[in-house]
């Protein structure tokens, strides 16, 4: 689950943080930066904004994590 400025919780049974991040980056990002979405909670958002500033899945955050 992707939210504006956040991601869904992975601390529930069968939750997996790595799988969630991988799903967002491999299934959602390829749809294009122009895509807007309405998350289950919070305001409408755009993939380009999330790729720039989301503290969990921003491109800069993921680049640092892969070092």
PDB file of N, CA and C in Angstrom:
ATOM      1  N   UNK A   1       0.847  -1.169   0.000  1.00  0.00           N
ATOM      2  CA  UNK A   1       0.000   0.000   0.000  1.00  0.00           C
ATOM      3  C   UNK A   1       0.891   1.230   0.000  1.00  0.00           C
ATOM      4  N   UNK A   2       0.586   2.135  -0.874  1.00  0.00           N
ATOM      5  CA  UNK A   2       1.309   3.401  -0.960  1.00  0.00           C
ATOM      6  C   UNK A   2       0.379   4.524  -0.527  1.00  0.00           C
ATOM      7  N   UNK A   3       0.852   5.355   0.361  1.00  0.00           N
ATOM      8  CA  UNK A   3       0.117   6.534   0.814  1.00  0.00           C
ATOM      9  C   UNK A   3       0.905   7.781   0.423  1.00  0.00           C
ATOM     10  N   UNK A   4       0.269   8.925   0.474  1.00  0.00           N
ATOM     11  CA  UNK A   4       0.981  10.176   0.246  1.00  0.00           C
ATOM     12  C   UNK A   4       1.936  10.377   1.419  1.00  0.00           C
ATOM     13  N   UNK A   5       3.229  10.281   1.144  1.00  0.00           N
ATOM     14  CA  UNK A   5       4.236  10.479   2.177  1.00  0.00           C
ATOM     15  C   UNK A   5       4.491   9.299   3.084  1.00  0.00           C
ATOM     16  N   UNK A   6       3.950   8.135   2.762  1.00  0.00           N
ATOM     17  CA  UNK A   6       4.150   6.975   3.629  1.00  0.00           C
ATOM     18  C   UNK A   6       3.878   5.690   2.848  1.00  0.00           C
ATOM     19  N   UNK A   7       3.949   4.583   3.558  1.00  0.00           N
ATOM     20  CA  UNK A   7       3.593   3.272   2.997  1.00  0.00           C
ATOM     21  C   UNK A   7       2.762   2.536   4.038  1.00  0.00           C
ATOM     22  N   UNK A   8       2.189   1.412   3.635  1.00  0.00           N
ATOM     23  CA  UNK A   8       1.394   0.612   4.560  1.00  0.00           C
ATOM     24  C   UNK A   8       2.262  -0.073   5.601  1.00  0.00           C
ATOM     25  N   UNK A   9       1.620  -0.494   6.651  1.00  0.00           N
ATOM     26  CA  UNK A   9       2.326  -1.188   7.741  1.00  0.00           C
ATOM     27  C   UNK A   9       2.702  -2.600   7.324  1.00  0.00           C
ATOM     28  N   UNK A  10       3.842  -3.038   7.811  1.00  0.00           N
ATOM     29  CA  UNK A  10       4.282  -4.407   7.529  1.00  0.00           C
ATOM     30  C   UNK A  10       4.536  -5.193   8.802  1.00  0.00           C
ATOM     31  N   UNK A  11       4.056  -4.666   9.930  1.00  0.00           N
ATOM     32  CA  UNK A  11       4.286  -5.351  11.206  1.00  0.00           C
ATOM     33  C   UNK A  11       3.159  -6.322  11.558  1.00  0.00           C
ATOM     34  N   UNK A  12       2.197  -6.479  10.667  1.00  0.00           N
ATOM     35  CA  UNK A  12       1.132  -7.455  10.895  1.00  0.00           C
ATOM     36  C   UNK A  12       1.609  -8.840  10.473  1.00  0.00           C
ATOM     37  N   UNK A  13       0.918  -9.902  10.911  1.00  0.00           N
ATOM     38  CA  UNK A  13       1.309 -11.246  10.478  1.00  0.00           C
ATOM     39  C   UNK A  13       1.396 -11.318   8.950  1.00  0.00           C
ATOM     40  N   UNK A  14       2.421 -11.967   8.477  1.00  0.00           N
ATOM     41  CA  UNK A  14       2.726 -12.161   7.059  1.00  0.00           C
ATOM     42  C   UNK A  14       3.128 -10.873   6.355  1.00  0.00           C
ATOM     43  N   UNK A  15       3.302  -9.776   7.091  1.00  0.00           N
ATOM     44  CA  UNK A  15       3.787  -8.536   6.493  1.00  0.00           C
ATOM     45  C   UNK A  15       5.263  -8.656   6.167  1.00  0.00           C
ATOM     46  N   UNK A  16       5.692  -8.023   5.096  1.00  0.00           N
ATOM     47  CA  UNK A  16       7.093  -8.103   4.693  1.00  0.00           C
ATOM     48  C   UNK A  16       7.497  -6.763   4.084  1.00  0.00           C
ATOM     49  N   UNK A  17       8.328  -6.021   4.785  1.00  0.00           N
ATOM     50  CA  UNK A  17       8.736  -4.690   4.342  1.00  0.00           C
ATOM     51  C   UNK A  17       9.413  -4.738   2.966  1.00  0.00           C
ATOM     52  N   UNK A  18      10.315  -5.653   2.785  1.00  0.00           N
ATOM     53  CA  UNK A  18      11.027  -5.771   1.507  1.00  0.00           C
ATOM     54  C   UNK A  18      10.092  -6.047   0.348  1.00  0.00           C
ATOM     55  N   UNK A  19       9.130  -6.942   0.562  1.00  0.00           N
ATOM     56  CA  UNK A  19       8.157  -7.242  -0.496  1.00  0.00           C
ATOM     57  C   UNK A  19       7.321  -6.019  -0.839  1.00  0.00           C
ATOM     58  N   UNK A  20       6.945  -5.240   0.164  1.00  0.00           N
ATOM     59  CA  UNK A  20       6.138  -4.045  -0.080  1.00  0.00           C
ATOM     60  C   UNK A  20       6.922  -3.035  -0.909  1.00  0.00           C
ATOM     61  N   UNK A  21       8.154  -2.758  -0.530  1.00  0.00           N
ATOM     62  CA  UNK A  21       8.987  -1.809  -1.266  1.00  0.00           C
ATOM     63  C   UNK A  21       9.201  -2.305  -2.698  1.00  0.00           C
ATOM     64  N   UNK A  22       9.493  -3.571  -2.850  1.00  0.00           N
ATOM     65  CA  UNK A  22       9.717  -4.165  -4.169  1.00  0.00           C
ATOM     66  C   UNK A  22       8.466  -4.062  -5.033  1.00  0.00           C
ATOM     67  N   UNK A  23       7.303  -4.306  -4.462  1.00  0.00           N
ATOM     68  CA  UNK A  23       6.051  -4.206  -5.218  1.00  0.00           C
ATOM     69  C   UNK A  23       5.789  -2.780  -5.688  1.00  0.00           C
ATOM     70  N   UNK A  24       6.018  -1.823  -4.816  1.00  0.00           N
ATOM     71  CA  UNK A  24       5.804  -0.419  -5.192  1.00  0.00           C
ATOM     72  C   UNK A  24       6.741  -0.031  -6.330  1.00  0.00           C
ATOM     73  N   UNK A  25       8.008  -0.393  -6.203  1.00  0.00           N
ATOM     74  CA  UNK A  25       8.988   0.055  -7.197  1.00  0.00           C
ATOM     75  C   UNK A  25       8.934  -0.721  -8.507  1.00  0.00           C
ATOM     76  N   UNK A  26       8.501  -1.975  -8.469  1.00  0.00           N
ATOM     77  CA  UNK A  26       8.477  -2.759  -9.711  1.00  0.00           C
ATOM     78  C   UNK A  26       7.109  -2.809 -10.380  1.00  0.00           C
ATOM     79  N   UNK A  27       6.050  -2.551  -9.626  1.00  0.00           N
ATOM     80  CA  UNK A  27       4.707  -2.621 -10.217  1.00  0.00           C
ATOM     81  C   UNK A  27       4.055  -1.250 -10.386  1.00  0.00           C
ATOM     82  N   UNK A  28       4.330  -0.331  -9.468  1.00  0.00           N
ATOM     83  CA  UNK A  28       3.689   0.990  -9.563  1.00  0.00           C
ATOM     84  C   UNK A  28       4.548   1.990 -10.332  1.00  0.00           C
ATOM     85  N   UNK A  29       5.828   2.126 -10.005  1.00  0.00           N
ATOM     86  CA  UNK A  29       6.664   3.127 -10.671  1.00  0.00           C
ATOM     87  C   UNK A  29       6.683   2.981 -12.183  1.00  0.00           C
ATOM     88  N   UNK A  30       6.708   1.760 -12.741  1.00  0.00           N
ATOM     89  CA  UNK A  30       6.704   1.649 -14.211  1.00  0.00           C
ATOM     90  C   UNK A  30       5.435   2.202 -14.889  1.00  0.00           C
ATOM     91  N   UNK A  31       4.378   2.442 -14.118  1.00  0.00           N
ATOM     92  CA  UNK A  31       3.159   3.005 -14.704  1.00  0.00           C
ATOM     93  C   UNK A  31       3.358   4.453 -15.136  1.00  0.00           C
ATOM     94  N   UNK A  32       4.376   5.110 -14.612  1.00  0.00           N
ATOM     95  CA  UNK A  32       4.707   6.470 -15.023  1.00  0.00           C
ATOM     96  C   UNK A  32       4.556   7.486 -13.914  1.00  0.00           C
ATOM     97  N   UNK A  33       5.404   8.498 -13.960  1.00  0.00           N
ATOM     98  CA  UNK A  33       5.402   9.538 -12.929  1.00  0.00           C
ATOM     99  C   UNK A  33       4.133  10.370 -12.927  1.00  0.00           C
ATOM    100  N   UNK A  34       3.445  10.439 -14.037  1.00  0.00           N
ATOM    101  CA  UNK A  34       2.241  11.275 -14.148  1.00  0.00           C
ATOM    102  C   UNK A  34       1.017  10.680 -13.453  1.00  0.00           C
ATOM    103  N   UNK A  35       1.104   9.424 -13.055  1.00  0.00           N
ATOM    104  CA  UNK A  35      -0.053   8.732 -12.471  1.00  0.00           C
ATOM    105  C   UNK A  35      -0.406   9.321 -11.106  1.00  0.00           C
ATOM    106  N   UNK A  36      -1.671   9.662 -10.957  1.00  0.00           N
ATOM    107  CA  UNK A  36      -2.192  10.111  -9.669  1.00  0.00           C
ATOM    108  C   UNK A  36      -2.947   8.946  -9.049  1.00  0.00           C
ATOM    109  N   UNK A  37      -2.973   8.892  -7.722  1.00  0.00           N
ATOM    110  CA  UNK A  37      -3.674   7.798  -7.054  1.00  0.00           C
ATOM    111  C   UNK A  37      -4.406   8.306  -5.827  1.00  0.00           C
ATOM    112  N   UNK A  38      -5.429   7.567  -5.459  1.00  0.00           N
ATOM    113  CA  UNK A  38      -6.217   7.885  -4.271  1.00  0.00           C
ATOM    114  C   UNK A  38      -5.972   6.758  -3.275  1.00  0.00           C
ATOM    115  N   UNK A  39      -5.155   7.007  -2.244  1.00  0.00           N
ATOM    116  CA  UNK A  39      -4.860   5.951  -1.276  1.00  0.00           C
ATOM    117  C   UNK A  39      -6.046   5.698  -0.343  1.00  0.00           C
ATOM    118  N   UNK A  40      -5.977   4.642   0.394  1.00  0.00           N
ATOM    119  CA  UNK A  40      -7.036   4.307   1.341  1.00  0.00           C
ATOM    120  C   UNK A  40      -7.185   5.319   2.462  1.00  0.00           C
ATOM    121  N   UNK A  41      -6.117   6.036   2.759  1.00  0.00           N
ATOM    122  CA  UNK A  41      -6.118   7.089   3.782  1.00  0.00           C
ATOM    123  C   UNK A  41      -5.379   8.291   3.223  1.00  0.00           C
ATOM    124  N   UNK A  42      -5.803   9.476   3.591  1.00  0.00           N
ATOM    125  CA  UNK A  42      -5.078  10.678   3.224  1.00  0.00           C
ATOM    126  C   UNK A  42      -5.438  11.233   1.858  1.00  0.00           C
ATOM    127  N   UNK A  43      -4.705  12.263   1.437  1.00  0.00           N
ATOM    128  CA  UNK A  43      -5.026  12.971   0.203  1.00  0.00           C
ATOM    129  C   UNK A  43      -4.580  12.235  -1.052  1.00  0.00           C
ATOM    130  N   UNK A  44      -5.129  12.668  -2.174  1.00  0.00           N
ATOM    131  CA  UNK A  44      -4.712  12.177  -3.476  1.00  0.00           C
ATOM    132  C   UNK A  44      -3.241  12.531  -3.664  1.00  0.00           C
ATOM    133  N   UNK A  45      -2.513  11.718  -4.395  1.00  0.00           N
ATOM    134  CA  UNK A  45      -1.084  11.946  -4.590  1.00  0.00           C
ATOM    135  C   UNK A  45      -0.688  11.550  -6.003  1.00  0.00           C
ATOM    136  N   UNK A  46       0.552  11.803  -6.337  1.00  0.00           N
ATOM    137  CA  UNK A  46       1.093  11.514  -7.662  1.00  0.00           C
ATOM    138  C   UNK A  46       2.403  10.739  -7.486  1.00  0.00           C
ATOM    139  N   UNK A  47       2.634   9.762  -8.356  1.00  0.00           N
ATOM    140  CA  UNK A  47       3.854   8.967  -8.239  1.00  0.00           C
ATOM    141  C   UNK A  47       5.111   9.840  -8.274  1.00  0.00           C
ATOM    142  N   UNK A  48       5.122  10.880  -9.101  1.00  0.00           N
ATOM    143  CA  UNK A  48       6.332  11.714  -9.178  1.00  0.00           C
ATOM    144  C   UNK A  48       6.635  12.368  -7.831  1.00  0.00           C
ATOM    145  N   UNK A  49       5.600  12.798  -7.120  1.00  0.00           N
ATOM    146  CA  UNK A  49       5.817  13.392  -5.794  1.00  0.00           C
ATOM    147  C   UNK A  49       6.364  12.366  -4.810  1.00  0.00           C
ATOM    148  N   UNK A  50       5.824  11.159  -4.872  1.00  0.00           N
ATOM    149  CA  UNK A  50       6.272  10.102  -3.960  1.00  0.00           C
ATOM    150  C   UNK A  50       7.708   9.685  -4.275  1.00  0.00           C
ATOM    151  N   UNK A  51       8.052   9.627  -5.548  1.00  0.00           N
ATOM    152  CA  UNK A  51       9.413   9.261  -5.934  1.00  0.00           C
ATOM    153  C   UNK A  51      10.416  10.324  -5.509  1.00  0.00           C
ATOM    154  N   UNK A  52       9.941  11.553  -5.351  1.00  0.00           N
ATOM    155  CA  UNK A  52      10.806  12.654  -4.950  1.00  0.00           C
ATOM    156  C   UNK A  52      10.910  12.795  -3.434  1.00  0.00           C
ATOM    157  N   UNK A  53       9.798  12.547  -2.701  1.00  0.00           N
ATOM    158  CA  UNK A  53       9.816  12.929  -1.285  1.00  0.00           C
ATOM    159  C   UNK A  53       9.343  11.888  -0.272  1.00  0.00           C
ATOM    160  N   UNK A  54       8.822  10.769  -0.704  1.00  0.00           N
ATOM    161  CA  UNK A  54       8.343   9.774   0.254  1.00  0.00           C
ATOM    162  C   UNK A  54       9.538   9.187   1.014  1.00  0.00           C
ATOM    163  N   UNK A  55       9.554   9.275   2.345  1.00  0.00           N
ATOM    164  CA  UNK A  55      10.725   8.825   3.111  1.00  0.00           C
ATOM    165  C   UNK A  55      10.987   7.316   3.064  1.00  0.00           C
ATOM    166  N   UNK A  56      10.079   6.561   2.476  1.00  0.00           N
ATOM    167  CA  UNK A  56      10.250   5.108   2.391  1.00  0.00           C
ATOM    168  C   UNK A  56      10.618   4.643   0.989  1.00  0.00           C
ATOM    169  N   UNK A  57      10.114   5.306  -0.047  1.00  0.00           N
ATOM    170  CA  UNK A  57      10.307   4.818  -1.414  1.00  0.00           C
ATOM    171  C   UNK A  57      10.801   5.883  -2.391  1.00  0.00           C
ATOM    172  N   UNK A  58      11.260   7.024  -1.891  1.00  0.00           N
ATOM    173  CA  UNK A  58      11.824   8.042  -2.786  1.00  0.00           C
ATOM    174  C   UNK A  58      13.058   7.460  -3.465  1.00  0.00           C
ATOM    175  N   UNK A  59      13.280   7.871  -4.698  1.00  0.00           N
ATOM    176  CA  UNK A  59      14.441   7.371  -5.439  1.00  0.00           C
ATOM    177  C   UNK A  59      15.736   7.586  -4.653  1.00  0.00           C
ATOM    178  N   UNK A  60      15.882   8.737  -4.028  1.00  0.00           N
ATOM    179  CA  UNK A  60      17.123   9.031  -3.279  1.00  0.00           C
ATOM    180  C   UNK A  60      17.273   8.120  -2.065  1.00  0.00           C
ATOM    181  N   UNK A  61      16.187   7.783  -1.421  1.00  0.00           N
ATOM    182  CA  UNK A  61      16.213   6.881  -0.251  1.00  0.00           C
ATOM    183  C   UNK A  61      16.611   5.473  -0.696  1.00  0.00           C
ATOM    184  N   UNK A  62      16.011   5.005  -1.774  1.00  0.00           N
ATOM    185  CA  UNK A  62      16.302   3.652  -2.253  1.00  0.00           C
ATOM    186  C   UNK A  62      17.727   3.551  -2.795  1.00  0.00           C
ATOM    187  N   UNK A  63      18.226   4.633  -3.390  1.00  0.00           N
ATOM    188  CA  UNK A  63      19.605   4.629  -3.888  1.00  0.00           C
ATOM    189  C   UNK A  63      20.591   4.504  -2.725  1.00  0.00           C
ATOM    190  N   UNK A  64      20.313   5.210  -1.627  1.00  0.00           N
ATOM    191  CA  UNK A  64      21.198   5.102  -0.448  1.00  0.00           C
ATOM    192  C   UNK A  64      21.132   3.708   0.171  1.00  0.00           C
ATOM    193  N   UNK A  65      19.954   3.105   0.148  1.00  0.00           N
ATOM    194  CA  UNK A  65      19.781   1.775   0.752  1.00  0.00           C
ATOM    195  C   UNK A  65      20.521   0.699  -0.025  1.00  0.00           C
ATOM    196  N   UNK A  66      20.728   0.910  -1.315  1.00  0.00           N
ATOM    197  CA  UNK A  66      21.378  -0.121  -2.130  1.00  0.00           C
ATOM    198  C   UNK A  66      22.906  -0.012  -2.097  1.00  0.00           C
ATOM    199  N   UNK A  67      23.424   1.000  -1.433  1.00  0.00           N
ATOM    200  CA  UNK A  67      24.897   1.152  -1.354  1.00  0.00           C
ATOM    201  C   UNK A  67      25.520   0.173  -0.407  1.00  0.00           C
TER     202      UNK A  67
END
